[in-house]
Protein backbone atom coordinates (compact mmCIF):
# COMPACT_ATOMS: atom_id res chain seq x y z
CA MET A 1 -2.32 2.34 -27.31
CA THR A 2 -2.19 1.29 -30.60
CA ARG A 3 -5.26 -1.20 -30.43
CA ALA A 4 -7.59 1.92 -29.00
CA GLY A 5 -5.67 4.29 -31.84
CA GLY A 6 -4.99 6.76 -29.25
CA THR A 7 -2.24 8.10 -26.90
CA TRP A 8 -1.09 7.86 -23.25
CA PRO A 9 -0.50 11.12 -21.42
CA ARG A 10 3.26 11.60 -20.91
CA ARG A 11 2.66 12.84 -17.30
CA ARG A 12 1.41 9.37 -16.43
CA THR A 13 4.52 7.70 -18.52
CA ALA A 14 6.67 10.25 -16.49
CA ALA A 15 4.94 9.25 -13.08
CA PHE A 16 5.80 5.56 -13.63
CA VAL A 17 9.16 5.79 -14.97
CA LEU A 18 10.79 8.75 -12.81
CA LEU A 19 8.58 8.44 -9.85
CA GLY A 20 7.82 4.87 -9.61
CA LEU A 21 10.87 2.99 -10.94
CA GLY A 22 13.21 5.61 -10.15
CA SER A 23 12.34 5.58 -6.44
CA TYR A 24 12.82 1.86 -6.43
CA SER A 25 16.10 2.09 -7.97
CA VAL A 26 17.30 4.82 -5.50
CA ILE A 27 15.85 2.91 -2.40
CA SER A 28 17.15 -0.29 -3.92
CA PHE A 29 20.52 0.55 -5.22
CA GLY A 30 21.49 3.49 -3.02
CA PHE A 31 22.33 4.18 0.47
CA LEU A 32 19.34 1.92 2.02
CA GLY A 33 20.16 -0.72 -0.12
CA ALA A 34 24.03 -0.75 0.19
CA TYR A 35 24.04 -0.80 4.34
CA SER A 36 20.75 -2.48 4.51
CA HIS A 37 22.85 -5.38 5.60
CA ASP A 38 24.48 -3.98 8.16
CA LEU A 39 22.28 -1.22 9.67
CA ARG A 40 18.58 -2.10 11.06
CA PHE A 41 17.28 1.43 10.02
CA ALA A 42 18.64 1.09 6.58
CA PHE A 43 17.05 -2.20 6.26
CA THR A 44 13.61 -1.36 7.79
CA THR A 45 13.41 1.92 5.98
CA ARG A 46 13.91 0.15 2.78
CA ILE A 47 11.39 -2.45 3.26
CA ALA A 48 8.80 0.32 4.30
CA LEU A 49 9.68 2.60 1.30
CA LEU A 50 9.07 -0.56 -0.87
CA LEU A 51 5.63 -1.64 0.35
CA PHE A 52 4.45 2.07 0.96
CA ALA A 53 5.98 4.80 -1.22
CA VAL A 54 6.84 2.76 -4.46
CA PRO A 55 3.80 0.98 -5.11
CA ALA A 56 2.03 4.28 -4.67
CA LEU A 57 4.09 6.05 -7.23
CA LEU A 58 4.06 3.29 -9.64
CA ALA A 59 0.15 3.40 -9.21
CA LEU A 60 0.22 7.16 -10.44
CA GLY A 61 1.38 5.82 -13.87
CA ARG A 62 -2.21 4.06 -13.92
CA PRO A 63 -0.66 1.03 -15.21
CA VAL A 64 -3.99 -1.04 -15.12
CA ARG A 65 -5.83 1.81 -17.04
CA LEU A 66 -3.15 1.86 -20.06
CA ALA A 67 -3.05 -2.17 -20.03
CA ARG A 68 -6.89 -2.24 -20.52
CA ALA A 69 -6.61 0.31 -23.23
CA ALA A 70 -3.67 -1.23 -24.95
CA LEU A 71 -4.23 -4.81 -24.73
CA PRO A 72 -5.85 -7.32 -27.24
CA ALA A 73 -9.09 -9.02 -26.23
CA GLY A 74 -7.19 -12.21 -25.16
CA PRO A 75 -4.54 -10.76 -22.61
CA LEU A 76 -7.38 -8.23 -21.48
CA ARG A 77 -10.10 -10.85 -20.72
CA SER A 78 -7.17 -12.62 -19.09
CA LEU A 79 -6.21 -9.33 -16.83
CA GLU A 80 -9.86 -8.60 -16.23
CA ASN A 81 -10.26 -12.15 -14.68
CA PHE A 82 -7.39 -11.70 -12.44
CA LEU A 83 -8.37 -8.46 -11.27
CA ALA A 84 -11.92 -9.76 -10.35
CA SER A 85 -10.26 -13.17 -8.85
CA ARG A 86 -11.01 -13.92 -5.07
CA PHE A 87 -7.24 -13.66 -4.38
CA MET A 88 -7.53 -9.76 -5.50
CA ARG A 89 -10.71 -9.49 -3.77
CA VAL A 90 -9.11 -10.48 -0.59
CA VAL A 91 -5.61 -8.74 -1.29
CA GLY A 92 -7.30 -5.30 -2.19
CA SER A 93 -9.93 -5.20 0.42
CA ALA A 94 -9.60 -2.82 3.13
CA ILE A 95 -9.03 -5.08 5.89
CA PHE A 96 -5.98 -6.94 4.10
CA SER A 97 -3.89 -4.14 4.12
CA PRO A 98 -3.40 -3.00 7.67
CA LEU A 99 -3.29 -6.85 8.98
CA PHE A 100 -0.56 -7.59 6.46
CA ALA A 101 1.55 -4.38 7.37
CA LEU A 102 1.10 -5.19 10.89
CA ALA A 103 2.35 -8.67 10.41
CA ALA A 104 5.37 -7.50 8.14
CA PHE A 105 6.31 -5.18 10.60
CA ALA A 106 6.24 -7.08 13.52
CA ILE A 107 9.06 -9.51 12.11
CA PHE A 108 11.27 -6.53 12.91
CA LEU A 109 10.68 -7.26 16.32
CA THR A 110 11.91 -10.76 16.09
CA PRO A 111 15.45 -12.61 15.55
CA LEU A 112 13.88 -13.54 11.91
CA ALA A 113 14.70 -9.90 11.08
CA PHE A 114 18.50 -10.70 11.36
CA ALA A 115 18.20 -13.68 9.58
CA LEU A 116 16.54 -11.83 6.64
CA ARG A 117 19.06 -9.12 6.85
CA GLU A 118 22.00 -11.40 6.66
CA SER A 119 20.69 -13.62 3.91
CA GLY A 120 21.73 -12.58 0.32
CA TRP A 121 18.82 -14.65 -1.24
CA ALA A 122 16.24 -13.35 1.31
CA GLU A 123 17.26 -9.86 0.52
CA SER A 124 16.83 -10.18 -3.36
CA LEU A 125 13.44 -12.05 -2.81
CA LEU A 126 12.32 -9.14 -0.53
CA THR A 127 13.27 -6.46 -2.93
CA LEU A 128 11.29 -8.00 -5.91
CA ALA A 129 8.24 -9.43 -3.65
CA VAL A 130 7.85 -6.23 -1.09
CA PRO A 131 6.92 -3.82 -3.79
CA LEU A 132 4.60 -6.50 -5.81
CA ALA A 133 2.61 -7.16 -2.56
CA GLY A 134 2.00 -3.25 -2.12
CA LEU A 135 1.36 -3.03 -5.73
CA LEU A 136 -1.23 -5.60 -5.65
CA MET A 137 -2.84 -4.04 -2.32
CA ILE A 138 -2.90 -0.60 -3.73
CA LEU A 139 -3.90 -1.10 -7.53
CA PRO A 140 -7.68 -1.97 -6.23
CA VAL A 141 -7.80 1.15 -4.66
CA PHE A 142 -6.62 3.60 -7.47
CA GLU A 143 -7.58 1.19 -10.21
CA GLY A 144 -10.91 -0.22 -9.33
CA SER A 145 -13.47 0.12 -11.87
CA GLU A 146 -16.34 -1.19 -9.41
CA MET A 147 -19.21 1.45 -8.62
CA ARG A 148 -18.95 1.47 -4.87
CA THR A 149 -21.63 2.96 -2.44
CA SER A 150 -20.83 5.78 -0.29
CA LEU A 151 -21.53 3.26 2.69
CA PHE A 152 -18.71 1.06 1.44
CA ILE A 153 -16.38 3.99 0.82
CA THR A 154 -16.98 4.96 4.41
CA ALA A 155 -16.36 1.57 6.04
CA GLU A 156 -13.15 1.68 3.83
CA PHE A 157 -12.34 5.20 5.16
CA LEU A 158 -12.67 4.03 8.86
CA LEU A 159 -10.31 1.08 8.14
CA ALA A 160 -7.66 3.23 6.76
CA PHE A 161 -7.76 5.24 10.31
CA VAL A 162 -7.65 1.77 11.86
CA GLU A 163 -4.37 0.86 9.64
CA LEU A 164 -2.99 4.56 10.99
CA ILE A 165 -2.91 3.18 14.07
CA LEU A 166 -1.78 -0.40 13.56
CA ASP A 167 1.18 0.67 11.24
CA ALA A 168 2.67 2.40 14.29
CA ILE A 169 2.65 -0.43 16.74
CA PRO A 170 6.09 -1.96 15.59
CA GLY A 171 7.52 1.56 15.21
CA ILE A 172 6.78 2.31 18.57
CA VAL A 173 8.01 -0.96 20.11
CA LEU A 174 11.28 -0.66 18.53
CA ARG A 175 11.81 3.04 19.72
CA ILE A 176 10.80 2.47 23.35
CA THR A 177 12.40 -1.09 23.93
CA GLY A 178 15.61 -0.78 26.02
CA HIS A 179 17.45 -3.90 24.77
CA VAL A 180 17.91 -5.33 20.78
CA LEU A 181 15.08 -7.25 19.83
CA ASP A 182 16.46 -9.34 16.79
CA GLY A 183 19.80 -10.73 18.63
CA GLY A 184 22.09 -9.53 16.11
CA HIS A 185 24.17 -7.49 18.68
CA ALA A 186 25.18 -11.11 20.13
CA LEU A 187 27.07 -11.40 16.46
CA ALA A 188 28.28 -7.73 15.67
CA THR A 189 31.61 -7.40 14.87
CA VAL A 190 33.26 -3.73 14.31
CA ALA A 191 31.77 -1.38 12.65
CA PRO A 192 32.74 2.09 11.10
CA GLY A 193 33.14 4.73 13.63
CA TRP A 194 30.29 6.68 12.32
CA PHE A 195 27.51 3.51 12.60
CA PRO A 196 25.42 4.11 15.60
CA SER A 197 25.46 1.39 18.71
CA GLN A 198 23.12 -1.66 18.17
CA LEU A 199 20.74 -0.34 20.61
CA ARG A 200 20.66 3.42 18.84
CA ASP A 201 20.35 1.64 15.47
CA GLN A 202 17.05 -0.06 16.74
CA GLN A 203 15.71 3.23 17.72
CA LEU A 204 16.28 4.80 14.43
CA SER A 205 14.82 2.24 12.90
CA GLY A 206 11.78 2.77 14.90
CA ASP A 207 11.59 6.16 14.69
CA LEU A 208 11.58 6.01 10.88
CA LEU A 209 9.37 3.07 10.67
CA TRP A 210 6.85 4.89 12.60
CA PHE A 211 7.24 8.03 10.37
CA ILE A 212 6.74 6.17 7.20
CA ALA A 213 3.98 4.15 8.05
CA GLU A 214 1.94 7.09 9.52
CA VAL A 215 3.09 9.43 6.53
CA ALA A 216 2.16 6.48 3.90
CA ASP A 217 -1.56 6.38 4.92
CA ILE A 218 -2.12 10.26 4.67
CA PRO A 219 -2.14 10.13 0.65
CA VAL A 220 -4.68 6.92 0.87
CA LEU A 221 -6.99 8.89 3.22
CA ILE A 222 -7.18 12.02 1.11
CA PHE A 223 -7.80 9.63 -2.05
CA LEU A 224 -10.81 8.04 -0.11
CA PHE A 225 -12.29 11.12 1.30
CA VAL A 226 -12.19 12.37 -2.26
CA ARG A 227 -13.94 9.28 -3.52
CA TRP A 228 -16.48 9.25 -1.11
CA SER A 229 -17.15 12.91 -1.73
CA ARG A 230 -17.77 12.07 -5.69
CA THR A 231 -19.55 9.18 -5.15
CA ASP A 232 -21.91 10.93 -2.33
CA ARG A 233 -22.75 13.74 -4.75
CA ARG A 234 -23.50 10.93 -7.59
CA GLU A 235 -26.02 9.22 -5.35
CA ALA A 236 -27.68 12.81 -4.44
CA ASN A 237 -27.92 13.46 -7.99
CA GLU A 238 -29.61 9.91 -8.96
CA LEU A 239 -32.04 10.57 -6.38
CA ASP A 240 -32.47 14.05 -7.45
CA GLU A 241 -33.74 12.75 -10.99
CA LEU A 242 -36.39 10.41 -9.48
CA SER A 243 -39.75 11.23 -10.02
CA ASP A 244 -42.30 11.59 -6.91
CA ASP A 245 -43.98 8.50 -7.76
CA GLU A 246 -40.63 6.65 -7.87
CA MET A 247 -39.41 7.93 -4.67
CA GLU A 248 -42.60 6.84 -3.23
CA ARG A 249 -41.96 3.37 -4.22
CA LEU A 250 -38.66 3.46 -3.25
CA THR A 251 -39.62 4.51 0.03
CA ARG A 252 -42.33 2.07 0.52
CA GLU A 253 -39.99 -0.97 -0.63
CA HIS A 254 -37.47 0.37 2.21
CA LEU A 255 -40.14 0.41 4.86
CA ARG A 256 -41.32 -3.11 3.89
CA GLY A 257 -37.77 -4.41 3.96
CA ALA A 258 -37.34 -2.82 7.21
CA ARG A 259 -40.73 -4.66 8.54
CA ASP A 260 -39.66 -8.09 7.15
């Protein structure tokens, strides 16, 4: 904040460090990280939390807003160009998130999940790539500076409900399937006595994945509803400020456009 000559709220710093980086550390280096190689439910839960929970908690610190306030002109221009790029418009769109989550979680239904769980380099790559992907998807929602119309936000709201349904599909399939889907049971070795059976492990994986995917969408729905409410109020105030002549002219232009 030295460029702007101001200070950054401590609660934002605490949210980013304690909630964001703290949750990342607990998930990556705690029980889920330690047993992700051996237990399906630890692996799927870790990936789901890294994709949904960690990026949302990091975003509470408003890192983009801090960068806009603190960066000098050159890096700030590069940041704004990146945020306005076609890549970010696609990744940050309301339709991309549910499709990406569905595709990512669908991997848990295939033998590829077991291969990723068994590979050390894949585990390390996922630990970095998954929260980064989640952050790129959620930052435009929290940090977007563009003025959105109430119609656009309504569309985002409806797509968020679609995501609520789509995210649950892989978890439900894992829960109700009566056999192990990833093929890992064929290579299973002697496990500690407290480990669940291979099928029960998959069922726990489905339960937790289903739960996390549904709960993670609730804060987004609340945020979109609040933003829609504020946008609708702003548009109503703008209409109230128009004179009778301006309102009549806008009405004529609207009717003329509808006829054309």
